[in-house]
PDB file of N, CA and C in Angstrom:
ATOM      1  N   MET A   1       1.157  -1.060   0.703  1.00  0.00           N
ATOM      2  CA  MET A   1       0.211  -0.358  -0.286  1.00  0.00           C
ATOM      3  C   MET A   1       1.218   1.271  -0.177  1.00  0.00           C
ATOM      4  N   LEU A   2       0.732   2.227  -0.757  1.00  0.00           N
ATOM      5  CA  LEU A   2       1.288   3.418  -0.920  1.00  0.00           C
ATOM      6  C   LEU A   2       1.007   4.410   0.127  1.00  0.00           C
ATOM      7  N   THR A   3       1.625   5.296   0.561  1.00  0.00           N
ATOM      8  CA  THR A   3       1.840   6.504   1.864  1.00  0.00           C
ATOM      9  C   THR A   3       0.894   7.266   0.405  1.00  0.00           C
ATOM     10  N   GLU A   4       0.417   8.365   1.518  1.00  0.00           N
ATOM     11  CA  GLU A   4      -0.202   9.413   0.833  1.00  0.00           C
ATOM     12  C   GLU A   4       1.055  10.736   0.592  1.00  0.00           C
ATOM     13  N   ASP A   5       2.047  10.365   0.935  1.00  0.00           N
ATOM     14  CA  ASP A   5       3.481  10.714   0.308  1.00  0.00           C
ATOM     15  C   ASP A   5       4.008  10.178  -1.196  1.00  0.00           C
ATOM     16  N   LYS A   6       3.861   9.552  -0.973  1.00  0.00           N
ATOM     17  CA  LYS A   6       3.817   8.327  -1.826  1.00  0.00           C
ATOM     18  C   LYS A   6       3.257   9.011  -3.654  1.00  0.00           C
ATOM     19  N   LYS A   7       1.973   9.030  -3.072  1.00  0.00           N
ATOM     20  CA  LYS A   7       0.850   9.123  -3.671  1.00  0.00           C
ATOM     21  C   LYS A   7       1.047   9.719  -4.677  1.00  0.00           C
ATOM     22  N   LYS A   8       0.826  11.529  -3.728  1.00  0.00           N
ATOM     23  CA  LYS A   8       2.041  12.958  -3.621  1.00  0.00           C
ATOM     24  C   LYS A   8       2.954  12.718  -5.267  1.00  0.00           C
ATOM     25  N   MET A   9       3.980  12.447  -4.730  1.00  0.00           N
ATOM     26  CA  MET A   9       4.912  11.858  -5.608  1.00  0.00           C
ATOM     27  C   MET A   9       5.144  12.137  -6.825  1.00  0.00           C
ATOM     28  N   LEU A  10       3.714  10.278  -6.844  1.00  0.00           N
ATOM     29  CA  LEU A  10       3.970  10.405  -8.680  1.00  0.00           C
ATOM     30  C   LEU A  10       2.879  10.853  -8.986  1.00  0.00           C
ATOM     31  N   GLU A  11       2.060  11.440  -8.825  1.00  0.00           N
ATOM     32  CA  GLU A  11       1.537  12.614  -9.188  1.00  0.00           C
ATOM     33  C   GLU A  11       1.619  13.932  -9.706  1.00  0.00           C
ATOM     34  N   TYR A  12       2.779  13.695  -8.954  1.00  0.00           N
ATOM     35  CA  TYR A  12       3.357  15.087  -9.678  1.00  0.00           C
ATOM     36  C   TYR A  12       4.592  14.803 -10.736  1.00  0.00           C
ATOM     37  N   TYR A  13       5.301  14.266 -10.694  1.00  0.00           N
ATOM     38  CA  TYR A  13       6.251  12.567 -11.099  1.00  0.00           C
ATOM     39  C   TYR A  13       5.383  12.714 -12.258  1.00  0.00           C
ATOM     40  N   ASN A  14       4.012  12.003 -12.546  1.00  0.00           N
ATOM     41  CA  ASN A  14       4.119  11.900 -13.911  1.00  0.00           C
ATOM     42  C   ASN A  14       3.216  13.361 -14.500  1.00  0.00           C
ATOM     43  N   GLU A  15       3.100  14.578 -13.935  1.00  0.00           N
ATOM     44  CA  GLU A  15       2.820  15.211 -14.360  1.00  0.00           C
ATOM     45  C   GLU A  15       4.304  16.224 -14.670  1.00  0.00           C
ATOM     46  N   GLY A  16       4.911  15.587 -14.616  1.00  0.00           N
ATOM     47  CA  GLY A  16       5.906  16.841 -14.781  1.00  0.00           C
ATOM     48  C   GLY A  16       6.917  15.818 -16.355  1.00  0.00           C
ATOM     49  N   LEU A  17       6.860  14.243 -15.482  1.00  0.00           N
ATOM     50  CA  LEU A  17       7.014  13.681 -17.392  1.00  0.00           C
ATOM     51  C   LEU A  17       6.302  14.470 -18.094  1.00  0.00           C
ATOM     52  N   LYS A  18       5.252  13.970 -17.880  1.00  0.00           N
ATOM     53  CA  LYS A  18       3.955  14.602 -19.825  1.00  0.00           C
ATOM     54  C   LYS A  18       4.753  16.202 -19.937  1.00  0.00           C
ATOM     55  N   LEU A  19       5.324  17.294 -19.644  1.00  0.00           N
ATOM     56  CA  LEU A  19       5.707  18.234 -19.058  1.00  0.00           C
ATOM     57  C   LEU A  19       7.098  18.624 -19.650  1.00  0.00           C
ATOM     58  N   TYR A  20       7.931  17.642 -19.563  1.00  0.00           N
ATOM     59  CA  TYR A  20       9.197  17.107 -19.969  1.00  0.00           C
ATOM     60  C   TYR A  20       8.549  16.930 -21.349  1.00  0.00           C
ATOM     61  N   LYS A  21       7.689  15.895 -21.342  1.00  0.00           N
ATOM     62  CA  LYS A  21       8.058  15.131 -23.110  1.00  0.00           C
ATOM     63  C   LYS A  21       7.475  15.745 -24.047  1.00  0.00           C
ATOM     64  N   GLU A  22       6.878  17.109 -23.779  1.00  0.00           N
ATOM     65  CA  GLU A  22       6.181  17.966 -24.005  1.00  0.00           C
ATOM     66  C   GLU A  22       7.455  19.643 -24.176  1.00  0.00           C
ATOM     67  N   MET A  23       8.427  19.128 -24.046  1.00  0.00           N
ATOM     68  CA  MET A  23       9.682  20.193 -23.884  1.00  0.00           C
ATOM     69  C   MET A  23       9.162  20.796 -22.806  1.00  0.00           C
ATOM     70  N   LYS A  24       8.933  20.861 -22.331  1.00  0.00           N
ATOM     71  CA  LYS A  24       8.730  22.962 -21.122  1.00  0.00           C
ATOM     72  C   LYS A  24       9.546  22.464 -19.683  1.00  0.00           C
ATOM     73  N   PHE A  25      10.420  21.851 -20.625  1.00  0.00           N
ATOM     74  CA  PHE A  25      11.202  21.756 -19.550  1.00  0.00           C
ATOM     75  C   PHE A  25      12.045  22.939 -18.081  1.00  0.00           C
ATOM     76  N   LYS A  26      11.677  23.535 -18.787  1.00  0.00           N
ATOM     77  CA  LYS A  26      11.531  25.235 -16.787  1.00  0.00           C
ATOM     78  C   LYS A  26      10.553  24.978 -16.154  1.00  0.00           C
ATOM     79  N   GLU A  27       8.869  24.532 -16.568  1.00  0.00           N
ATOM     80  CA  GLU A  27       7.959  24.402 -15.561  1.00  0.00           C
ATOM     81  C   GLU A  27       7.582  22.816 -15.216  1.00  0.00           C
ATOM     82  N   ALA A  28       8.463  21.865 -16.252  1.00  0.00           N
ATOM     83  CA  ALA A  28       8.706  19.836 -15.858  1.00  0.00           C
ATOM     84  C   ALA A  28       9.287  20.295 -14.348  1.00  0.00           C
ATOM     85  N   LEU A  29      10.816  21.363 -14.470  1.00  0.00           N
ATOM     86  CA  LEU A  29      11.136  20.898 -13.511  1.00  0.00           C
ATOM     87  C   LEU A  29      10.667  21.316 -11.923  1.00  0.00           C
ATOM     88  N   LYS A  30       9.744  22.560 -12.415  1.00  0.00           N
ATOM     89  CA  LYS A  30       8.808  23.091 -10.902  1.00  0.00           C
ATOM     90  C   LYS A  30       8.073  21.847 -10.256  1.00  0.00           C
ATOM     91  N   VAL A  31       7.552  21.371 -11.520  1.00  0.00           N
ATOM     92  CA  VAL A  31       6.615  19.874 -10.742  1.00  0.00           C
ATOM     93  C   VAL A  31       7.312  19.338  -9.800  1.00  0.00           C
ATOM     94  N   PHE A  32       8.305  18.584 -10.768  1.00  0.00           N
ATOM     95  CA  PHE A  32       9.990  17.998 -10.924  1.00  0.00           C
ATOM     96  C   PHE A  32      10.120  17.849  -8.963  1.00  0.00           C
ATOM     97  N   LYS A  33      10.430  18.625  -8.765  1.00  0.00           N
ATOM     98  CA  LYS A  33      11.111  19.616  -7.415  1.00  0.00           C
ATOM     99  C   LYS A  33       9.631  19.401  -5.987  1.00  0.00           C
ATOM    100  N   ILE A  34       8.398  19.248  -6.782  1.00  0.00           N
ATOM    101  CA  ILE A  34       7.579  19.347  -5.537  1.00  0.00           C
ATOM    102  C   ILE A  34       7.515  17.846  -5.444  1.00  0.00           C
ATOM    103  N   ALA A  35       7.459  17.125  -6.258  1.00  0.00           N
ATOM    104  CA  ALA A  35       7.424  15.615  -6.270  1.00  0.00           C
ATOM    105  C   ALA A  35       8.030  15.455  -5.523  1.00  0.00           C
ATOM    106  N   LEU A  36       9.753  15.974  -5.295  1.00  0.00           N
ATOM    107  CA  LEU A  36      10.879  15.354  -4.435  1.00  0.00           C
ATOM    108  C   LEU A  36      10.295  16.009  -2.791  1.00  0.00           C
ATOM    109  N   LYS A  37      10.022  16.707  -3.170  1.00  0.00           N
ATOM    110  CA  LYS A  37       9.420  17.395  -1.392  1.00  0.00           C
ATOM    111  C   LYS A  37       8.058  15.830  -0.971  1.00  0.00           C
ATOM    112  N   HIS A  38       8.033  15.099  -1.896  1.00  0.00           N
ATOM    113  CA  HIS A  38       6.724  14.089  -1.528  1.00  0.00           C
ATOM    114  C   HIS A  38       7.503  12.531  -1.223  1.00  0.00           C
ATOM    115  N   ASP A  39       8.616  13.244  -1.631  1.00  0.00           N
ATOM    116  CA  ASP A  39       9.415  11.829  -1.197  1.00  0.00           C
ATOM    117  C   ASP A  39      11.109  12.173  -2.117  1.00  0.00           C
ATOM    118  N   PRO A  40      11.684  12.489  -0.671  1.00  0.00           N
ATOM    119  CA  PRO A  40      13.355  13.173  -1.456  1.00  0.00           C
ATOM    120  C   PRO A  40      14.159  12.080  -1.756  1.00  0.00           C
ATOM    121  N   GLN A  41      14.167  11.024  -1.918  1.00  0.00           N
ATOM    122  CA  GLN A  41      15.371   9.897  -1.966  1.00  0.00           C
ATOM    123  C   GLN A  41      14.838   9.335  -2.961  1.00  0.00           C
ATOM    124  N   ASP A  42      14.085  10.065  -3.207  1.00  0.00           N
ATOM    125  CA  ASP A  42      13.052   9.091  -5.709  1.00  0.00           C
ATOM    126  C   ASP A  42      14.163   9.035  -6.463  1.00  0.00           C
ATOM    127  N   GLY A  43      14.615   7.930  -6.749  1.00  0.00           N
ATOM    128  CA  GLY A  43      16.101   8.001  -7.664  1.00  0.00           C
ATOM    129  C   GLY A  43      15.621   9.116  -9.175  1.00  0.00           C
ATOM    130  N   PRO A  44      14.917   8.550  -9.614  1.00  0.00           N
ATOM    131  CA  PRO A  44      13.909   9.164 -10.673  1.00  0.00           C
ATOM    132  C   PRO A  44      13.640  10.309 -10.528  1.00  0.00           C
ATOM    133  N   THR A  45      12.948  10.970 -10.157  1.00  0.00           N
ATOM    134  CA  THR A  45      12.584  12.308 -10.096  1.00  0.00           C
ATOM    135  C   THR A  45      13.633  12.528 -10.204  1.00  0.00           C
ATOM    136  N   ARG A  46      15.091  12.535  -9.067  1.00  0.00           N
ATOM    137  CA  ARG A  46      16.224  13.621  -8.669  1.00  0.00           C
ATOM    138  C   ARG A  46      17.027  13.672 -10.355  1.00  0.00           C
ATOM    139  N   LEU A  47      16.305  11.907 -11.032  1.00  0.00           N
ATOM    140  CA  LEU A  47      17.556  12.409 -12.198  1.00  0.00           C
ATOM    141  C   LEU A  47      17.015  12.820 -13.457  1.00  0.00           C
ATOM    142  N   TYR A  48      15.304  13.839 -13.430  1.00  0.00           N
ATOM    143  CA  TYR A  48      14.474  14.768 -14.453  1.00  0.00           C
ATOM    144  C   TYR A  48      14.920  15.423 -14.042  1.00  0.00           C
ATOM    145  N   ILE A  49      15.444  15.632 -12.403  1.00  0.00           N
ATOM    146  CA  ILE A  49      15.706  17.236 -11.887  1.00  0.00           C
ATOM    147  C   ILE A  49      17.407  18.131 -12.220  1.00  0.00           C
ATOM    148  N   ALA A  50      17.837  16.442 -12.421  1.00  0.00           N
ATOM    149  CA  ALA A  50      19.280  17.110 -13.659  1.00  0.00           C
ATOM    150  C   ALA A  50      19.435  17.321 -14.821  1.00  0.00           C
ATOM    151  N   ARG A  51      18.407  16.897 -15.146  1.00  0.00           N
ATOM    152  CA  ARG A  51      18.246  16.678 -17.246  1.00  0.00           C
ATOM    153  C   ARG A  51      17.521  18.491 -17.398  1.00  0.00           C
ATOM    154  N   CYS A  52      16.349  18.442 -16.616  1.00  0.00           N
ATOM    155  CA  CYS A  52      15.605  19.651 -17.407  1.00  0.00           C
ATOM    156  C   CYS A  52      16.550  20.419 -16.703  1.00  0.00           C
ATOM    157  N   ILE A  53      17.773  20.961 -16.166  1.00  0.00           N
ATOM    158  CA  ILE A  53      18.452  21.519 -15.910  1.00  0.00           C
ATOM    159  C   ILE A  53      19.319  21.406 -17.013  1.00  0.00           C
ATOM    160  N   GLU A  54      19.559  20.682 -17.126  1.00  0.00           N
ATOM    161  CA  GLU A  54      20.811  21.083 -18.564  1.00  0.00           C
ATOM    162  C   GLU A  54      20.105  21.175 -19.526  1.00  0.00           C
ATOM    163  N   LEU A  55      18.906  20.602 -19.753  1.00  0.00           N
ATOM    164  CA  LEU A  55      18.045  21.039 -20.497  1.00  0.00           C
ATOM    165  C   LEU A  55      17.442  22.096 -21.275  1.00  0.00           C
ATOM    166  N   ASN A  56      17.738  22.693 -20.124  1.00  0.00           N
ATOM    167  CA  ASN A  56      17.062  23.975 -19.911  1.00  0.00           C
ATOM    168  C   ASN A  56      18.405  25.385 -20.900  1.00  0.00           C
ATOM    169  N   LYS A  57      19.465  25.455 -20.514  1.00  0.00           N
ATOM    170  CA  LYS A  57      20.524  25.715 -20.411  1.00  0.00           C
ATOM    171  C   LYS A  57      21.364  25.288 -21.911  1.00  0.00           C
ATOM    172  N   ASN A  58      20.985  23.700 -22.331  1.00  0.00           N
ATOM    173  CA  ASN A  58      21.603  23.038 -23.554  1.00  0.00           C
ATOM    174  C   ASN A  58      20.124  22.964 -24.694  1.00  0.00           C
ATOM    175  N   PRO A  59      18.901  23.501 -24.721  1.00  0.00           N
ATOM    176  CA  PRO A  59      17.734  23.399 -25.367  1.00  0.00           C
ATOM    177  C   PRO A  59      18.214  22.234 -27.002  1.00  0.00           C
ATOM    178  N   PRO A  60      17.545  21.646 -26.402  1.00  0.00           N
ATOM    179  CA  PRO A  60      17.739  19.862 -27.740  1.00  0.00           C
ATOM    180  C   PRO A  60      16.025  20.988 -28.959  1.00  0.00           C
ATOM    181  N   PRO A  61      17.132  20.216 -29.725  1.00  0.00           N
ATOM    182  CA  PRO A  61      16.355  20.866 -31.606  1.00  0.00           C
ATOM    183  C   PRO A  61      14.596  20.719 -31.948  1.00  0.00           C
ATOM    184  N   PRO A  62      14.084  21.575 -32.323  1.00  0.00           N
ATOM    185  CA  PRO A  62      12.379  21.502 -32.063  1.00  0.00           C
ATOM    186  C   PRO A  62      12.207  19.502 -32.341  1.00  0.00           C
ATOM    187  N   ASP A  63      13.280  19.077 -33.144  1.00  0.00           N
ATOM    188  CA  ASP A  63      12.782  17.780 -34.008  1.00  0.00           C
ATOM    189  C   ASP A  63      12.520  16.215 -32.790  1.00  0.00           C
ATOM    190  N   TRP A  64      12.878  16.598 -31.575  1.00  0.00           N
ATOM    191  CA  TRP A  64      14.298  15.974 -30.406  1.00  0.00           C
ATOM    192  C   TRP A  64      13.061  14.360 -30.331  1.00  0.00           C
ATOM    193  N   ASP A  65      13.334  13.380 -30.193  1.00  0.00           N
ATOM    194  CA  ASP A  65      13.299  12.448 -30.229  1.00  0.00           C
ATOM    195  C   ASP A  65      12.877  11.893 -28.383  1.00  0.00           C
ATOM    196  N   GLY A  66      13.135  12.730 -27.029  1.00  0.00           N
ATOM    197  CA  GLY A  66      13.732  12.829 -26.610  1.00  0.00           C
ATOM    198  C   GLY A  66      14.491  12.226 -25.765  1.00  0.00           C
ATOM    199  N   VAL A  67      14.828  11.948 -26.330  1.00  0.00           N
ATOM    200  CA  VAL A  67      16.823  11.047 -26.391  1.00  0.00           C
ATOM    201  C   VAL A  67      17.341  11.494 -25.570  1.00  0.00           C
ATOM    202  N   PHE A  68      18.299  11.549 -24.530  1.00  0.00           N
ATOM    203  CA  PHE A  68      18.982  12.469 -23.315  1.00  0.00           C
ATOM    204  C   PHE A  68      20.395  11.605 -23.823  1.00  0.00           C
ATOM    205  N   THR A  69      21.083  12.384 -24.359  1.00  0.00           N
ATOM    206  CA  THR A  69      22.318  11.978 -25.023  1.00  0.00           C
ATOM    207  C   THR A  69      23.106  12.487 -24.127  1.00  0.00           C
ATOM    208  N   MET A  70      23.854  11.829 -22.806  1.00  0.00           N
ATOM    209  CA  MET A  70      24.793  11.804 -21.837  1.00  0.00           C
ATOM    210  C   MET A  70      26.645  13.113 -22.375  1.00  0.00           C
ATOM    211  N   THR A  71      26.884  13.783 -21.580  1.00  0.00           N
ATOM    212  CA  THR A  71      27.523  14.964 -22.381  1.00  0.00           C
ATOM    213  C   THR A  71      29.082  14.197 -21.389  1.00  0.00           C
ATOM    214  N   THR A  72      28.922  14.238 -20.212  1.00  0.00           N
ATOM    215  CA  THR A  72      29.923  13.855 -19.592  1.00  0.00           C
ATOM    216  C   THR A  72      29.234  12.773 -18.593  1.00  0.00           C
ATOM    217  N   LYS A  73      30.945  12.487 -17.820  1.00  0.00           N
ATOM    218  CA  LYS A  73      30.187  10.419 -17.693  1.00  0.00           C
ATOM    219  C   LYS A  73      30.560  10.717 -15.447  1.00  0.00           C
TER     220      LYS A  73
END
């Protein structure tokens, strides 16, 4: 059974993922940060926060297919 915090986190995570796929990285970042408040240890949320920060700095082309290419190890 999921806790209320976990349910809220998943709700915000899914909304952030939707925005991310729509290339709305600033909005997605805000939503992922809210999700993280409900579950600070959630790895996927932390990953998408880092990706949103990077993609805000270096936006992908308009025909982006959603694939994230790591530039550092």
